[in-house]
Every structure is written in C-alpha cells, then in structure tokens.
PDB file of N, CA and C in Angstrom:
ATOM      1  N   MET A   1     -65.555 -43.002  36.830  1.00  0.00           N
ATOM      2  CA  MET A   1     -65.987 -42.215  35.860  1.00  0.00           C
ATOM      3  C   MET A   1     -66.169 -40.672  36.644  1.00  0.00           C
ATOM      4  N   ASN A   2     -66.524 -40.897  37.914  1.00  0.00           N
ATOM      5  CA  ASN A   2     -66.557 -39.679  38.663  1.00  0.00           C
ATOM      6  C   ASN A   2     -65.291 -39.165  38.823  1.00  0.00           C
ATOM      7  N   ARG A   3     -64.082 -39.757  38.950  1.00  0.00           N
ATOM      8  CA  ARG A   3     -63.028 -39.300  39.006  1.00  0.00           C
ATOM      9  C   ARG A   3     -62.597 -38.436  37.916  1.00  0.00           C
ATOM     10  N   ARG A   4     -62.873 -38.970  36.645  1.00  0.00           N
ATOM     11  CA  ARG A   4     -62.636 -38.348  35.359  1.00  0.00           C
ATOM     12  C   ARG A   4     -63.377 -36.861  35.359  1.00  0.00           C
ATOM     13  N   ILE A   5     -64.401 -36.871  35.769  1.00  0.00           N
ATOM     14  CA  ILE A   5     -65.310 -35.564  35.615  1.00  0.00           C
ATOM     15  C   ILE A   5     -64.730 -34.642  36.787  1.00  0.00           C
ATOM     16  N   ILE A   6     -64.065 -35.018  37.850  1.00  0.00           N
ATOM     17  CA  ILE A   6     -63.574 -34.242  38.696  1.00  0.00           C
ATOM     18  C   ILE A   6     -62.091 -33.558  38.184  1.00  0.00           C
ATOM     19  N   VAL A   7     -61.439 -34.582  37.751  1.00  0.00           N
ATOM     20  CA  VAL A   7     -60.209 -34.118  36.965  1.00  0.00           C
ATOM     21  C   VAL A   7     -60.416 -33.043  35.651  1.00  0.00           C
ATOM     22  N   LEU A   8     -61.248 -33.538  35.015  1.00  0.00           N
ATOM     23  CA  LEU A   8     -61.681 -32.591  33.822  1.00  0.00           C
ATOM     24  C   LEU A   8     -62.156 -31.202  34.480  1.00  0.00           C
ATOM     25  N   ALA A   9     -63.190 -31.074  35.487  1.00  0.00           N
ATOM     26  CA  ALA A   9     -63.246 -29.881  36.013  1.00  0.00           C
ATOM     27  C   ALA A   9     -62.349 -29.066  36.655  1.00  0.00           C
ATOM     28  N   GLN A  10     -61.361 -29.830  37.142  1.00  0.00           N
ATOM     29  CA  GLN A  10     -59.951 -28.962  37.715  1.00  0.00           C
ATOM     30  C   GLN A  10     -59.281 -28.606  36.580  1.00  0.00           C
ATOM     31  N   LEU A  11     -59.121 -29.333  35.481  1.00  0.00           N
ATOM     32  CA  LEU A  11     -58.322 -28.736  34.356  1.00  0.00           C
ATOM     33  C   LEU A  11     -59.292 -27.745  33.651  1.00  0.00           C
ATOM     34  N   LEU A  12     -60.273 -27.802  33.581  1.00  0.00           N
ATOM     35  CA  LEU A  12     -61.035 -26.644  32.919  1.00  0.00           C
ATOM     36  C   LEU A  12     -60.910 -25.205  33.729  1.00  0.00           C
ATOM     37  N   SER A  13     -61.045 -25.320  35.121  1.00  0.00           N
ATOM     38  CA  SER A  13     -60.709 -24.331  36.042  1.00  0.00           C
ATOM     39  C   SER A  13     -59.312 -23.920  35.972  1.00  0.00           C
ATOM     40  N   ALA A  14     -58.386 -24.633  35.705  1.00  0.00           N
ATOM     41  CA  ALA A  14     -57.096 -24.069  35.701  1.00  0.00           C
ATOM     42  C   ALA A  14     -56.808 -23.311  34.243  1.00  0.00           C
ATOM     43  N   LEU A  15     -57.514 -23.752  33.294  1.00  0.00           N
ATOM     44  CA  LEU A  15     -57.340 -23.087  31.931  1.00  0.00           C
ATOM     45  C   LEU A  15     -57.959 -21.764  32.132  1.00  0.00           C
ATOM     46  N   ALA A  16     -58.931 -21.915  32.634  1.00  0.00           N
ATOM     47  CA  ALA A  16     -59.852 -20.460  32.844  1.00  0.00           C
ATOM     48  C   ALA A  16     -59.040 -19.565  33.426  1.00  0.00           C
ATOM     49  N   LEU A  17     -58.415 -19.922  34.449  1.00  0.00           N
ATOM     50  CA  LEU A  17     -57.545 -18.988  35.461  1.00  0.00           C
ATOM     51  C   LEU A  17     -56.391 -18.344  34.551  1.00  0.00           C
ATOM     52  N   VAL A  18     -55.720 -19.330  33.800  1.00  0.00           N
ATOM     53  CA  VAL A  18     -54.590 -18.980  32.851  1.00  0.00           C
ATOM     54  C   VAL A  18     -55.073 -18.178  31.863  1.00  0.00           C
ATOM     55  N   ALA A  19     -56.173 -18.281  31.203  1.00  0.00           N
ATOM     56  CA  ALA A  19     -56.837 -17.344  30.250  1.00  0.00           C
ATOM     57  C   ALA A  19     -57.202 -15.924  30.800  1.00  0.00           C
ATOM     58  N   ALA A  20     -57.705 -15.879  32.048  1.00  0.00           N
ATOM     59  CA  ALA A  20     -58.111 -14.601  32.548  1.00  0.00           C
ATOM     60  C   ALA A  20     -56.790 -13.841  32.957  1.00  0.00           C
ATOM     61  N   SER A  21     -55.921 -14.544  33.380  1.00  0.00           N
ATOM     62  CA  SER A  21     -54.498 -13.813  33.823  1.00  0.00           C
ATOM     63  C   SER A  21     -53.718 -13.257  32.440  1.00  0.00           C
ATOM     64  N   SER A  22     -53.878 -13.951  31.556  1.00  0.00           N
ATOM     65  CA  SER A  22     -53.262 -13.576  30.281  1.00  0.00           C
ATOM     66  C   SER A  22     -53.880 -12.321  29.682  1.00  0.00           C
ATOM     67  N   PHE A  23     -55.296 -12.484  29.656  1.00  0.00           N
ATOM     68  CA  PHE A  23     -55.964 -11.336  29.176  1.00  0.00           C
ATOM     69  C   PHE A  23     -55.810 -10.114  29.941  1.00  0.00           C
ATOM     70  N   ALA A  24     -55.730 -10.159  31.415  1.00  0.00           N
ATOM     71  CA  ALA A  24     -55.342  -8.827  32.175  1.00  0.00           C
ATOM     72  C   ALA A  24     -54.081  -8.519  31.952  1.00  0.00           C
ATOM     73  N   ALA A  25     -52.966  -9.236  31.614  1.00  0.00           N
ATOM     74  CA  ALA A  25     -51.715  -8.943  31.216  1.00  0.00           C
ATOM     75  C   ALA A  25     -51.721  -8.119  30.003  1.00  0.00           C
ATOM     76  N   ASP A  26     -52.583  -8.562  28.895  1.00  0.00           N
ATOM     77  CA  ASP A  26     -52.596  -8.031  27.683  1.00  0.00           C
ATOM     78  C   ASP A  26     -53.280  -6.759  27.839  1.00  0.00           C
ATOM     79  N   ASN A  27     -54.115  -6.750  28.705  1.00  0.00           N
ATOM     80  CA  ASN A  27     -55.024  -5.427  28.918  1.00  0.00           C
ATOM     81  C   ASN A  27     -54.074  -4.291  29.548  1.00  0.00           C
ATOM     82  N   GLU A  28     -53.262  -4.683  30.415  1.00  0.00           N
ATOM     83  CA  GLU A  28     -52.275  -3.716  31.017  1.00  0.00           C
ATOM     84  C   GLU A  28     -51.305  -3.029  29.986  1.00  0.00           C
ATOM     85  N   THR A  29     -50.677  -4.042  29.130  1.00  0.00           N
ATOM     86  CA  THR A  29     -49.808  -3.651  28.166  1.00  0.00           C
ATOM     87  C   THR A  29     -50.618  -2.655  27.193  1.00  0.00           C
ATOM     88  N   LEU A  30     -51.801  -3.000  26.635  1.00  0.00           N
ATOM     89  CA  LEU A  30     -52.544  -2.192  26.023  1.00  0.00           C
ATOM     90  C   LEU A  30     -52.741  -0.867  26.566  1.00  0.00           C
ATOM     91  N   LYS A  31     -53.214  -0.803  27.858  1.00  0.00           N
ATOM     92  CA  LYS A  31     -53.303   0.634  28.410  1.00  0.00           C
ATOM     93  C   LYS A  31     -51.986   1.466  28.479  1.00  0.00           C
ATOM     94  N   LYS A  32     -50.739   0.777  28.719  1.00  0.00           N
ATOM     95  CA  LYS A  32     -49.290   1.473  28.914  1.00  0.00           C
ATOM     96  C   LYS A  32     -49.232   1.980  27.165  1.00  0.00           C
ATOM     97  N   ASP A  33     -49.442   1.145  26.455  1.00  0.00           N
ATOM     98  CA  ASP A  33     -49.206   1.431  24.963  1.00  0.00           C
ATOM     99  C   ASP A  33     -50.141   2.686  24.567  1.00  0.00           C
ATOM    100  N   LEU A  34     -51.227   2.650  24.635  1.00  0.00           N
ATOM    101  CA  LEU A  34     -52.211   3.830  24.475  1.00  0.00           C
ATOM    102  C   LEU A  34     -51.735   4.962  25.337  1.00  0.00           C
ATOM    103  N   THR A  35     -51.244   4.877  26.629  1.00  0.00           N
ATOM    104  CA  THR A  35     -50.781   5.978  27.281  1.00  0.00           C
ATOM    105  C   THR A  35     -49.529   6.524  26.532  1.00  0.00           C
ATOM    106  N   ALA A  36     -48.818   5.918  25.890  1.00  0.00           N
ATOM    107  CA  ALA A  36     -47.570   6.350  25.416  1.00  0.00           C
ATOM    108  C   ALA A  36     -48.003   7.146  23.891  1.00  0.00           C
ATOM    109  N   VAL A  37     -48.808   6.499  23.192  1.00  0.00           N
ATOM    110  CA  VAL A  37     -49.488   7.305  22.053  1.00  0.00           C
ATOM    111  C   VAL A  37     -49.956   8.571  22.345  1.00  0.00           C
ATOM    112  N   ILE A  38     -50.876   8.678  23.162  1.00  0.00           N
ATOM    113  CA  ILE A  38     -51.369   9.950  23.609  1.00  0.00           C
ATOM    114  C   ILE A  38     -50.403  10.904  24.028  1.00  0.00           C
ATOM    115  N   ALA A  39     -49.509  10.422  24.645  1.00  0.00           N
ATOM    116  CA  ALA A  39     -48.600  11.373  25.230  1.00  0.00           C
ATOM    117  C   ALA A  39     -47.516  11.855  24.064  1.00  0.00           C
ATOM    118  N   LEU A  40     -47.428  10.824  23.130  1.00  0.00           N
ATOM    119  CA  LEU A  40     -46.636  11.423  21.775  1.00  0.00           C
ATOM    120  C   LEU A  40     -47.293  12.205  20.968  1.00  0.00           C
ATOM    121  N   GLN A  41     -48.695  12.321  21.059  1.00  0.00           N
ATOM    122  CA  GLN A  41     -49.534  13.200  20.291  1.00  0.00           C
ATOM    123  C   GLN A  41     -49.500  14.565  21.076  1.00  0.00           C
ATOM    124  N   GLY A  42     -48.774  14.540  22.254  1.00  0.00           N
ATOM    125  CA  GLY A  42     -48.873  15.899  22.915  1.00  0.00           C
ATOM    126  C   GLY A  42     -50.025  16.271  23.634  1.00  0.00           C
ATOM    127  N   LEU A  43     -50.939  15.121  24.040  1.00  0.00           N
ATOM    128  CA  LEU A  43     -52.252  15.322  24.591  1.00  0.00           C
ATOM    129  C   LEU A  43     -52.016  15.047  26.095  1.00  0.00           C
ATOM    130  N   PRO A  44     -52.821  15.726  26.906  1.00  0.00           N
ATOM    131  CA  PRO A  44     -52.637  15.374  28.372  1.00  0.00           C
ATOM    132  C   PRO A  44     -53.492  14.107  28.648  1.00  0.00           C
ATOM    133  N   CYS A  45     -52.951  13.251  29.364  1.00  0.00           N
ATOM    134  CA  CYS A  45     -53.704  11.901  29.815  1.00  0.00           C
ATOM    135  C   CYS A  45     -53.211  11.576  31.256  1.00  0.00           C
ATOM    136  N   GLY A  46     -51.711  11.418  31.413  1.00  0.00           N
ATOM    137  CA  GLY A  46     -51.101  10.883  32.666  1.00  0.00           C
ATOM    138  C   GLY A  46     -51.042   9.413  32.548  1.00  0.00           C
ATOM    139  N   GLU A  47     -52.400   8.800  32.582  1.00  0.00           N
ATOM    140  CA  GLU A  47     -52.635   7.100  32.618  1.00  0.00           C
ATOM    141  C   GLU A  47     -53.610   6.651  32.128  1.00  0.00           C
ATOM    142  N   VAL A  48     -53.910   5.907  31.216  1.00  0.00           N
ATOM    143  CA  VAL A  48     -54.848   5.004  30.830  1.00  0.00           C
ATOM    144  C   VAL A  48     -55.519   4.331  31.669  1.00  0.00           C
ATOM    145  N   VAL A  49     -56.921   4.474  32.135  1.00  0.00           N
ATOM    146  CA  VAL A  49     -57.546   3.552  33.191  1.00  0.00           C
ATOM    147  C   VAL A  49     -58.531   2.595  32.423  1.00  0.00           C
ATOM    148  N   ASN A  50     -58.998   3.013  31.449  1.00  0.00           N
ATOM    149  CA  ASN A  50     -60.154   2.159  30.780  1.00  0.00           C
ATOM    150  C   ASN A  50     -59.871   2.082  29.406  1.00  0.00           C
ATOM    151  N   VAL A  51     -60.131   1.055  28.893  1.00  0.00           N
ATOM    152  CA  VAL A  51     -60.049   1.001  27.229  1.00  0.00           C
ATOM    153  C   VAL A  51     -61.241   0.105  26.882  1.00  0.00           C
ATOM    154  N   ILE A  52     -61.751   0.486  25.800  1.00  0.00           N
ATOM    155  CA  ILE A  52     -63.017  -0.309  25.156  1.00  0.00           C
ATOM    156  C   ILE A  52     -62.624  -0.439  23.743  1.00  0.00           C
ATOM    157  N   VAL A  53     -62.665  -1.708  23.261  1.00  0.00           N
ATOM    158  CA  VAL A  53     -62.020  -1.986  21.957  1.00  0.00           C
ATOM    159  C   VAL A  53     -63.276  -1.941  20.983  1.00  0.00           C
ATOM    160  N   HIS A  54     -63.283  -1.108  20.130  1.00  0.00           N
ATOM    161  CA  HIS A  54     -64.361  -1.219  18.991  1.00  0.00           C
ATOM    162  C   HIS A  54     -64.105  -1.759  17.912  1.00  0.00           C
ATOM    163  N   ALA A  55     -62.777  -1.788  17.680  1.00  0.00           N
ATOM    164  CA  ALA A  55     -62.295  -2.748  16.227  1.00  0.00           C
ATOM    165  C   ALA A  55     -60.667  -3.061  16.598  1.00  0.00           C
ATOM    166  N   GLU A  56     -60.018  -3.825  15.658  1.00  0.00           N
ATOM    167  CA  GLU A  56     -58.602  -4.133  15.826  1.00  0.00           C
ATOM    168  C   GLU A  56     -57.878  -2.896  16.113  1.00  0.00           C
ATOM    169  N   SER A  57     -57.884  -1.970  15.453  1.00  0.00           N
ATOM    170  CA  SER A  57     -57.186  -0.691  15.710  1.00  0.00           C
ATOM    171  C   SER A  57     -58.014   0.629  16.042  1.00  0.00           C
ATOM    172  N   ASP A  58     -59.114   0.235  16.848  1.00  0.00           N
ATOM    173  CA  ASP A  58     -59.916   1.399  17.149  1.00  0.00           C
ATOM    174  C   ASP A  58     -60.466   1.387  18.723  1.00  0.00           C
ATOM    175  N   PHE A  59     -59.802   2.251  19.470  1.00  0.00           N
ATOM    176  CA  PHE A  59     -60.175   2.233  20.787  1.00  0.00           C
ATOM    177  C   PHE A  59     -60.709   3.391  21.423  1.00  0.00           C
ATOM    178  N   ALA A  60     -61.661   3.220  22.365  1.00  0.00           N
ATOM    179  CA  ALA A  60     -62.055   4.424  23.443  1.00  0.00           C
ATOM    180  C   ALA A  60     -61.328   4.400  24.555  1.00  0.00           C
ATOM    181  N   VAL A  61     -60.826   5.412  24.935  1.00  0.00           N
ATOM    182  CA  VAL A  61     -59.842   5.484  25.992  1.00  0.00           C
ATOM    183  C   VAL A  61     -60.312   6.555  27.079  1.00  0.00           C
ATOM    184  N   THR A  62     -60.158   6.097  28.556  1.00  0.00           N
ATOM    185  CA  THR A  62     -60.458   6.899  29.444  1.00  0.00           C
ATOM    186  C   THR A  62     -59.175   7.180  30.287  1.00  0.00           C
ATOM    187  N   CYS A  63     -58.770   8.251  30.488  1.00  0.00           N
ATOM    188  CA  CYS A  63     -57.522   8.677  31.324  1.00  0.00           C
ATOM    189  C   CYS A  63     -57.825   9.052  32.706  1.00  0.00           C
ATOM    190  N   LYS A  64     -56.711   8.760  33.494  1.00  0.00           N
ATOM    191  CA  LYS A  64     -56.802   8.993  35.074  1.00  0.00           C
ATOM    192  C   LYS A  64     -57.296  10.554  35.269  1.00  0.00           C
ATOM    193  N   ASP A  65     -57.009  11.313  34.420  1.00  0.00           N
ATOM    194  CA  ASP A  65     -57.304  12.963  34.550  1.00  0.00           C
ATOM    195  C   ASP A  65     -58.770  13.150  34.147  1.00  0.00           C
ATOM    196  N   ALA A  66     -59.445  12.162  33.503  1.00  0.00           N
ATOM    197  CA  ALA A  66     -60.941  12.200  33.174  1.00  0.00           C
ATOM    198  C   ALA A  66     -60.782  12.592  31.594  1.00  0.00           C
ATOM    199  N   ASN A  67     -59.687  12.551  30.850  1.00  0.00           N
ATOM    200  CA  ASN A  67     -59.943  12.946  29.630  1.00  0.00           C
ATOM    201  C   ASN A  67     -60.365  11.727  28.855  1.00  0.00           C
ATOM    202  N   LYS A  68     -61.057  11.910  27.746  1.00  0.00           N
ATOM    203  CA  LYS A  68     -61.544  10.641  27.004  1.00  0.00           C
ATOM    204  C   LYS A  68     -60.823  10.835  25.503  1.00  0.00           C
ATOM    205  N   TYR A  69     -60.405   9.962  24.843  1.00  0.00           N
ATOM    206  CA  TYR A  69     -59.983   9.974  23.434  1.00  0.00           C
ATOM    207  C   TYR A  69     -60.335   8.883  22.521  1.00  0.00           C
ATOM    208  N   ARG A  70     -60.403   8.981  21.449  1.00  0.00           N
ATOM    209  CA  ARG A  70     -60.625   7.897  20.435  1.00  0.00           C
ATOM    210  C   ARG A  70     -59.248   7.845  19.754  1.00  0.00           C
ATOM    211  N   VAL A  71     -58.587   6.333  19.869  1.00  0.00           N
ATOM    212  CA  VAL A  71     -57.378   6.260  19.226  1.00  0.00           C
ATOM    213  C   VAL A  71     -57.795   5.073  17.942  1.00  0.00           C
ATOM    214  N   TYR A  72     -57.242   5.542  17.006  1.00  0.00           N
ATOM    215  CA  TYR A  72     -57.403   4.652  15.771  1.00  0.00           C
ATOM    216  C   TYR A  72     -56.591   4.736  14.669  1.00  0.00           C
ATOM    217  N   LEU A  73     -56.266   3.851  13.680  1.00  0.00           N
ATOM    218  CA  LEU A  73     -55.721   3.901  12.643  1.00  0.00           C
ATOM    219  C   LEU A  73     -56.436   4.378  11.405  1.00  0.00           C
ATOM    220  N   ASN A  74     -56.053   5.692  10.948  1.00  0.00           N
ATOM    221  CA  ASN A  74     -56.904   6.138   9.624  1.00  0.00           C
ATOM    222  C   ASN A  74     -56.612   5.362   8.370  1.00  0.00           C
ATOM    223  N   ASP A  75     -57.219   5.709   7.251  1.00  0.00           N
ATOM    224  CA  ASP A  75     -56.994   4.981   5.944  1.00  0.00           C
ATOM    225  C   ASP A  75     -55.630   5.029   5.588  1.00  0.00           C
ATOM    226  N   ALA A  76     -54.999   5.878   5.733  1.00  0.00           N
ATOM    227  CA  ALA A  76     -53.535   5.997   5.501  1.00  0.00           C
ATOM    228  C   ALA A  76     -52.525   5.346   6.282  1.00  0.00           C
ATOM    229  N   GLY A  77     -53.174   4.515   7.395  1.00  0.00           N
ATOM    230  CA  GLY A  77     -52.288   3.784   8.424  1.00  0.00           C
ATOM    231  C   GLY A  77     -51.688   4.663   9.472  1.00  0.00           C
ATOM    232  N   ARG A  78     -51.971   5.826   9.526  1.00  0.00           N
ATOM    233  CA  ARG A  78     -51.551   6.720  10.666  1.00  0.00           C
ATOM    234  C   ARG A  78     -52.273   6.723  11.822  1.00  0.00           C
ATOM    235  N   VAL A  79     -51.710   6.881  12.955  1.00  0.00           N
ATOM    236  CA  VAL A  79     -52.411   6.928  14.341  1.00  0.00           C
ATOM    237  C   VAL A  79     -52.921   8.305  14.566  1.00  0.00           C
ATOM    238  N   VAL A  80     -54.328   8.226  14.849  1.00  0.00           N
ATOM    239  CA  VAL A  80     -55.215   9.520  15.052  1.00  0.00           C
ATOM    240  C   VAL A  80     -55.734   9.346  16.547  1.00  0.00           C
ATOM    241  N   VAL A  81     -55.586  10.595  17.184  1.00  0.00           N
ATOM    242  CA  VAL A  81     -56.041  10.519  18.541  1.00  0.00           C
ATOM    243  C   VAL A  81     -57.023  11.477  18.512  1.00  0.00           C
ATOM    244  N   ASP A  82     -58.323  11.465  18.721  1.00  0.00           N
ATOM    245  CA  ASP A  82     -59.357  12.505  18.669  1.00  0.00           C
ATOM    246  C   ASP A  82     -59.747  12.525  20.209  1.00  0.00           C
ATOM    247  N   LYS A  83     -59.989  13.785  20.640  1.00  0.00           N
ATOM    248  CA  LYS A  83     -60.540  14.153  22.009  1.00  0.00           C
ATOM    249  C   LYS A  83     -62.013  13.757  21.921  1.00  0.00           C
ATOM    250  N   GLN A  84     -62.550  13.194  22.927  1.00  0.00           N
ATOM    251  CA  GLN A  84     -63.967  13.118  22.987  1.00  0.00           C
ATOM    252  C   GLN A  84     -64.613  13.831  24.113  1.00  0.00           C
ATOM    253  N   LYS A  85     -65.900  14.183  23.893  1.00  0.00           N
ATOM    254  CA  LYS A  85     -66.712  14.780  25.091  1.00  0.00           C
ATOM    255  C   LYS A  85     -67.381  14.049  26.300  1.00  0.00           C
TER     256      LYS A  85
END
C-alpha cells in the first residue's frame, strides 16, 4: 500500500510538471502572437512581456517599452487594439 502511494505521488508530480511546461509554452506563443497583432496595427510595442486574459478573445497586454493595450475581437469579429493608460 505504501509503495502505491509513492508511485501515485510521483505520477501526479510528473503530470503537474508537464502541465506547467505546456502552459508556459502556450503563454510564450500567445505573447508572440499578440506582439504580431499589435505590430500589424502599426502601434509601438517591441515585445509583449505580460498578458492578462480577461476572456477567450480579450487580453490586457503590457509591452517591453511600457505601452499597455487591450486586444480583443469586436462584435463584427475584427481584431481591435486599444491603447490603455
């Protein structure tokens, strides 16, 4: 019984590490995608360093140059980038 608990604990630890690394990779991809979206709108950013997800397609973004934006899809399905104060 004790051995089963140890094996289960090791399995859960391994799963947690895989999930955390997967989330980190997804977060880096999201940052790169949002950097590209902001650049395509002709706005200064350089590189996205922080993202807060408000909804599925609604993000608060902080750039390396300290600019802050809200990136979201409007009702027509178009990407909108609003500069925040």
